[in-house]
N, C-alpha and C. Protein backbone atom coordinates (compact mmCIF):
# COMPACT_ATOMS: atom_id res chain seq x y z
N UNK A 1 12.67 -4.70 27.77
CA UNK A 1 13.60 -4.97 26.71
C UNK A 1 13.44 -3.92 25.61
N UNK A 2 14.53 -3.36 25.14
CA UNK A 2 14.51 -2.33 24.12
C UNK A 2 14.54 -2.97 22.74
N UNK A 3 13.66 -2.50 21.86
CA UNK A 3 13.64 -2.99 20.49
C UNK A 3 14.60 -2.17 19.64
N UNK A 4 15.32 -2.84 18.77
CA UNK A 4 16.17 -2.12 17.82
C UNK A 4 15.30 -1.57 16.70
N UNK A 5 15.65 -0.38 16.26
CA UNK A 5 14.93 0.23 15.14
C UNK A 5 15.71 -0.05 13.87
N UNK A 6 15.03 -0.70 12.94
CA UNK A 6 15.65 -1.07 11.67
C UNK A 6 14.81 -0.46 10.56
N UNK A 7 15.41 0.39 9.72
CA UNK A 7 14.64 0.95 8.61
C UNK A 7 14.31 -0.15 7.59
N UNK A 8 13.08 -0.10 7.07
CA UNK A 8 12.62 -1.10 6.12
C UNK A 8 12.00 -0.39 4.94
N UNK A 9 12.27 -0.89 3.75
CA UNK A 9 11.65 -0.39 2.53
C UNK A 9 10.91 -1.55 1.89
N UNK A 10 9.66 -1.34 1.60
CA UNK A 10 8.86 -2.36 0.92
C UNK A 10 8.67 -1.91 -0.51
N UNK A 11 9.16 -2.71 -1.42
CA UNK A 11 9.05 -2.38 -2.84
C UNK A 11 7.86 -3.16 -3.40
N UNK A 12 6.89 -2.44 -3.89
CA UNK A 12 5.71 -3.09 -4.45
C UNK A 12 4.48 -2.74 -3.65
N UNK A 13 3.41 -2.49 -4.33
CA UNK A 13 2.17 -2.11 -3.68
C UNK A 13 1.04 -3.08 -3.98
N UNK A 14 1.39 -4.25 -4.46
CA UNK A 14 0.37 -5.26 -4.70
C UNK A 14 0.02 -5.98 -3.41
N UNK A 15 -0.68 -7.09 -3.53
CA UNK A 15 -1.10 -7.81 -2.34
C UNK A 15 0.07 -8.23 -1.44
N UNK A 16 1.17 -8.68 -2.00
CA UNK A 16 2.31 -9.10 -1.18
C UNK A 16 2.94 -7.92 -0.45
N UNK A 17 3.11 -6.79 -1.14
CA UNK A 17 3.69 -5.61 -0.52
C UNK A 17 2.81 -5.05 0.58
N UNK A 18 1.50 -5.03 0.33
CA UNK A 18 0.58 -4.53 1.35
C UNK A 18 0.53 -5.46 2.56
N UNK A 19 0.61 -6.76 2.32
CA UNK A 19 0.64 -7.70 3.43
C UNK A 19 1.91 -7.54 4.24
N UNK A 20 3.03 -7.36 3.56
CA UNK A 20 4.30 -7.14 4.27
C UNK A 20 4.23 -5.87 5.11
N UNK A 21 3.68 -4.80 4.56
CA UNK A 21 3.54 -3.55 5.31
C UNK A 21 2.63 -3.73 6.51
N UNK A 22 1.55 -4.45 6.32
CA UNK A 22 0.61 -4.68 7.42
C UNK A 22 1.25 -5.49 8.53
N UNK A 23 1.96 -6.54 8.17
CA UNK A 23 2.62 -7.39 9.19
C UNK A 23 3.70 -6.61 9.93
N UNK A 24 4.46 -5.78 9.23
CA UNK A 24 5.50 -4.98 9.88
C UNK A 24 4.90 -3.94 10.81
N UNK A 25 3.78 -3.33 10.40
CA UNK A 25 3.19 -2.30 11.26
C UNK A 25 2.61 -2.91 12.51
N UNK A 26 2.26 -4.20 12.49
CA UNK A 26 1.78 -4.84 13.71
C UNK A 26 2.90 -4.94 14.75
N UNK A 27 4.15 -4.99 14.29
CA UNK A 27 5.29 -5.04 15.20
C UNK A 27 5.62 -3.67 15.77
N UNK A 28 5.26 -2.62 15.07
CA UNK A 28 5.55 -1.26 15.50
C UNK A 28 4.36 -0.38 15.14
N UNK A 29 3.96 0.49 16.03
CA UNK A 29 2.78 1.33 15.78
C UNK A 29 3.10 2.59 14.99
N UNK A 30 4.31 2.75 14.51
CA UNK A 30 4.62 3.94 13.72
C UNK A 30 4.10 3.78 12.30
N UNK A 31 3.66 4.84 11.72
CA UNK A 31 3.18 4.90 10.34
C UNK A 31 1.96 4.03 10.10
N UNK A 32 1.18 3.76 11.12
CA UNK A 32 0.01 2.92 10.97
C UNK A 32 -0.99 3.55 10.02
N UNK A 33 -1.22 4.85 10.16
CA UNK A 33 -2.21 5.51 9.32
C UNK A 33 -1.82 5.46 7.84
N UNK A 34 -0.53 5.57 7.54
CA UNK A 34 -0.09 5.50 6.15
C UNK A 34 -0.37 4.13 5.55
N UNK A 35 -0.14 3.09 6.31
CA UNK A 35 -0.39 1.74 5.81
C UNK A 35 -1.87 1.57 5.50
N UNK A 36 -2.74 2.04 6.40
CA UNK A 36 -4.18 1.90 6.17
C UNK A 36 -4.65 2.76 5.00
N UNK A 37 -4.04 3.92 4.79
CA UNK A 37 -4.38 4.75 3.63
C UNK A 37 -4.05 4.03 2.34
N UNK A 38 -2.89 3.40 2.30
CA UNK A 38 -2.47 2.69 1.10
C UNK A 38 -3.37 1.49 0.85
N UNK A 39 -3.68 0.74 1.89
CA UNK A 39 -4.57 -0.41 1.74
C UNK A 39 -5.95 0.05 1.29
N UNK A 40 -6.45 1.14 1.88
CA UNK A 40 -7.75 1.68 1.48
C UNK A 40 -7.78 2.11 0.03
N UNK A 41 -6.70 2.75 -0.42
CA UNK A 41 -6.61 3.18 -1.81
C UNK A 41 -6.61 1.97 -2.75
N UNK A 42 -5.86 0.95 -2.38
CA UNK A 42 -5.80 -0.27 -3.20
C UNK A 42 -7.19 -0.89 -3.33
N UNK A 43 -7.90 -1.03 -2.21
CA UNK A 43 -9.23 -1.63 -2.22
C UNK A 43 -10.21 -0.77 -3.02
N UNK A 44 -10.12 0.55 -2.84
CA UNK A 44 -11.02 1.46 -3.55
C UNK A 44 -10.91 1.28 -5.06
N UNK A 45 -9.69 1.24 -5.57
CA UNK A 45 -9.51 1.15 -7.02
C UNK A 45 -9.76 -0.26 -7.54
N UNK A 46 -9.68 -1.27 -6.67
CA UNK A 46 -10.05 -2.62 -7.08
C UNK A 46 -11.57 -2.75 -7.20
N UNK A 47 -12.30 -2.07 -6.32
CA UNK A 47 -13.75 -2.14 -6.36
C UNK A 47 -14.36 -1.24 -7.44
N UNK A 48 -13.74 -0.06 -7.64
CA UNK A 48 -14.24 0.89 -8.63
C UNK A 48 -13.11 1.41 -9.51
N UNK A 49 -12.61 0.60 -10.44
CA UNK A 49 -11.51 1.05 -11.30
C UNK A 49 -12.00 2.08 -12.32
N UNK A 50 -11.04 2.83 -12.84
CA UNK A 50 -11.38 3.76 -13.92
C UNK A 50 -11.77 2.93 -15.14
N UNK A 51 -12.90 3.26 -15.77
CA UNK A 51 -13.37 2.42 -16.88
C UNK A 51 -12.47 2.50 -18.11
N UNK A 52 -11.86 3.64 -18.33
CA UNK A 52 -11.01 3.83 -19.50
C UNK A 52 -9.59 4.16 -19.05
N UNK A 53 -8.63 3.37 -19.49
CA UNK A 53 -7.22 3.62 -19.14
C UNK A 53 -6.53 4.24 -20.35
N UNK A 54 -6.46 5.57 -20.35
CA UNK A 54 -5.83 6.27 -21.47
C UNK A 54 -4.35 6.55 -21.25
N UNK A 55 -3.91 6.52 -19.98
CA UNK A 55 -2.52 6.83 -19.68
C UNK A 55 -1.90 5.71 -18.84
N UNK A 56 -0.59 5.72 -18.78
CA UNK A 56 0.12 4.75 -17.94
C UNK A 56 -0.25 4.96 -16.47
N UNK A 57 -0.42 6.22 -16.07
CA UNK A 57 -0.80 6.53 -14.69
C UNK A 57 -2.13 5.88 -14.33
N UNK A 58 -3.12 5.97 -15.22
CA UNK A 58 -4.41 5.35 -14.96
C UNK A 58 -4.30 3.83 -14.89
N UNK A 59 -3.45 3.25 -15.72
CA UNK A 59 -3.21 1.80 -15.70
C UNK A 59 -2.64 1.38 -14.34
N UNK A 60 -1.64 2.14 -13.86
CA UNK A 60 -1.02 1.83 -12.57
C UNK A 60 -2.03 1.99 -11.43
N UNK A 61 -2.81 3.07 -11.45
CA UNK A 61 -3.80 3.32 -10.39
C UNK A 61 -4.82 2.19 -10.33
N UNK A 62 -5.29 1.72 -11.49
CA UNK A 62 -6.27 0.64 -11.49
C UNK A 62 -5.71 -0.65 -10.90
N UNK A 63 -4.42 -0.87 -10.98
CA UNK A 63 -3.84 -2.10 -10.49
C UNK A 63 -3.27 -2.00 -9.07
N UNK A 64 -2.79 -0.80 -8.68
CA UNK A 64 -2.10 -0.69 -7.41
C UNK A 64 -2.65 0.39 -6.48
N UNK A 65 -3.66 1.13 -6.91
CA UNK A 65 -4.23 2.18 -6.07
C UNK A 65 -3.60 3.53 -6.36
N UNK A 66 -4.26 4.57 -5.89
CA UNK A 66 -3.81 5.93 -6.19
C UNK A 66 -2.78 6.49 -5.23
N UNK A 67 -2.57 5.87 -4.06
CA UNK A 67 -1.65 6.42 -3.06
C UNK A 67 -0.19 6.06 -3.31
N UNK A 68 0.07 5.16 -4.22
CA UNK A 68 1.46 4.72 -4.40
C UNK A 68 2.25 5.66 -5.24
């Protein structure tokens, strides 16, 4: 049986967006490495956030990871 290819955009890089990306990648093996990079970045910045948030960019990285 042939699967239809449907383009998907996930808006948001928080826990819900990462879960949606993970569940979608289980259905298709394309872009698997990108999903794991984003999840890894999110976990990295949750475990070791920047101590001082001087810019909006640093604020976003501390909450959503650096890969987004």
